[in-house]
Protein backbone atom coordinates (compact mmCIF):
# COMPACT_ATOMS: atom_id res chain seq x y z
CA MET A 1 19.12 15.31 8.42
CA GLY A 2 17.71 14.59 4.96
CA PRO A 3 14.59 12.70 4.01
CA SER A 4 14.57 8.97 4.50
CA LEU A 5 12.69 6.18 2.74
CA HIS A 6 10.34 4.03 4.75
CA TYR A 7 8.85 0.66 3.85
CA SER A 8 5.63 2.22 2.61
CA ASP A 9 7.59 4.55 0.31
CA LEU A 10 9.44 1.59 -1.15
CA VAL A 11 6.19 -0.30 -1.71
CA LEU A 12 4.71 2.65 -3.59
CA LEU A 13 7.85 2.90 -5.71
CA ALA A 14 7.74 -0.84 -6.44
CA ILE A 15 4.09 -0.61 -7.55
CA ALA A 16 4.84 2.30 -9.87
CA ALA A 17 7.98 0.60 -11.19
CA SER A 18 6.17 -2.65 -11.98
CA LEU A 19 3.34 -0.91 -13.83
CA GLY A 20 5.83 1.34 -15.63
CA THR A 21 7.86 -1.68 -16.62
CA GLY A 22 4.68 -3.20 -18.06
CA ALA A 23 4.26 -0.13 -20.25
CA LEU A 24 7.91 -0.30 -21.35
CA VAL A 25 7.69 -4.02 -22.14
CA GLU A 26 4.61 -3.30 -24.24
CA ASP A 27 6.48 -0.63 -26.22
CA ALA A 28 9.80 -2.47 -26.61
CA THR A 29 8.56 -5.99 -27.41
CA PRO A 30 5.82 -7.55 -29.52
CA VAL A 31 3.94 -8.48 -26.33
CA PRO A 32 0.39 -7.04 -26.53
CA SER A 33 -0.38 -4.12 -24.19
CA PRO A 34 -3.10 -5.82 -22.11
CA MET A 35 -0.87 -8.85 -21.51
CA ALA A 36 2.14 -6.79 -20.41
CA ILE A 37 0.13 -4.54 -18.11
CA LEU A 38 -1.79 -7.51 -16.68
CA ALA A 39 1.33 -9.58 -16.02
CA LEU A 40 3.19 -6.80 -14.24
CA GLY A 41 -0.05 -5.68 -12.59
CA VAL A 42 -0.05 -9.04 -10.83
CA VAL A 43 3.43 -8.17 -9.57
CA ALA A 44 2.05 -4.85 -8.26
CA VAL A 45 -0.76 -6.72 -6.50
CA ALA A 46 1.85 -8.98 -4.89
CA PHE A 47 3.64 -5.91 -3.52
CA ILE A 48 0.35 -4.59 -2.16
CA GLY A 49 -0.46 -7.96 -0.59
CA HIS A 50 2.94 -8.11 1.07
CA ALA A 51 2.52 -4.59 2.44
CA LEU A 52 -0.93 -5.38 3.85
CA PHE A 53 -0.67 -8.94 5.09
CA ILE A 54 2.99 -9.88 5.58
CA ASN A 55 4.43 -6.59 6.81
CA GLY A 56 1.20 -4.88 7.89
CA PRO A 57 0.79 -1.39 9.28
CA VAL A 58 0.44 -2.47 12.94
CA ASP A 59 3.13 -2.47 15.57
CA ASP A 60 2.11 -5.71 17.26
CA THR A 61 -0.51 -8.40 16.75
CA GLU A 62 -1.93 -7.57 20.17
CA ASP A 63 -2.98 -4.19 18.74
CA LEU A 64 -5.46 -5.92 16.44
CA GLY A 65 -7.75 -7.16 19.20
CA ALA A 66 -7.72 -4.09 21.43
CA GLU A 67 -10.89 -2.04 21.62
CA LEU A 68 -10.67 1.73 21.67
CA ASP A 69 -12.56 4.05 23.96
CA LEU A 70 -14.47 6.85 22.29
CA GLU A 71 -12.00 9.37 23.70
CA GLU A 72 -9.09 7.61 21.94
CA VAL A 73 -10.61 7.91 18.46
CA PRO A 74 -9.28 10.92 16.54
CA GLN A 75 -11.92 13.62 16.20
CA VAL A 76 -11.76 13.67 12.40
CA LEU A 77 -12.72 9.98 12.31
CA SER A 78 -15.35 10.15 15.01
CA SER A 79 -18.97 10.43 13.90
CA THR A 80 -20.13 11.63 17.31
CA GLU A 81 -19.82 15.06 18.83
CA SER A 82 -17.95 15.30 22.11
CA ALA A 83 -19.51 17.30 24.91
CA ASP A 84 -16.83 19.64 26.28
């Protein structure tokens, strides 16, 4: 089975495409560079906002209020040492 694209991959591609399009618009038209990059940068921010707030990285809204026990936190993120 080959590689597959996930939603997060598509969001990253959309961000890069919008900023790249801003650079191309700046080169191909008389639109000033800051205006082209800014306008399509707003489009990139919209993609980021959709990825974070509309289709967020959680499975269920019930996951947002659940507290984790210290044992459930991955060791690389934990600031405490575990006594084994």
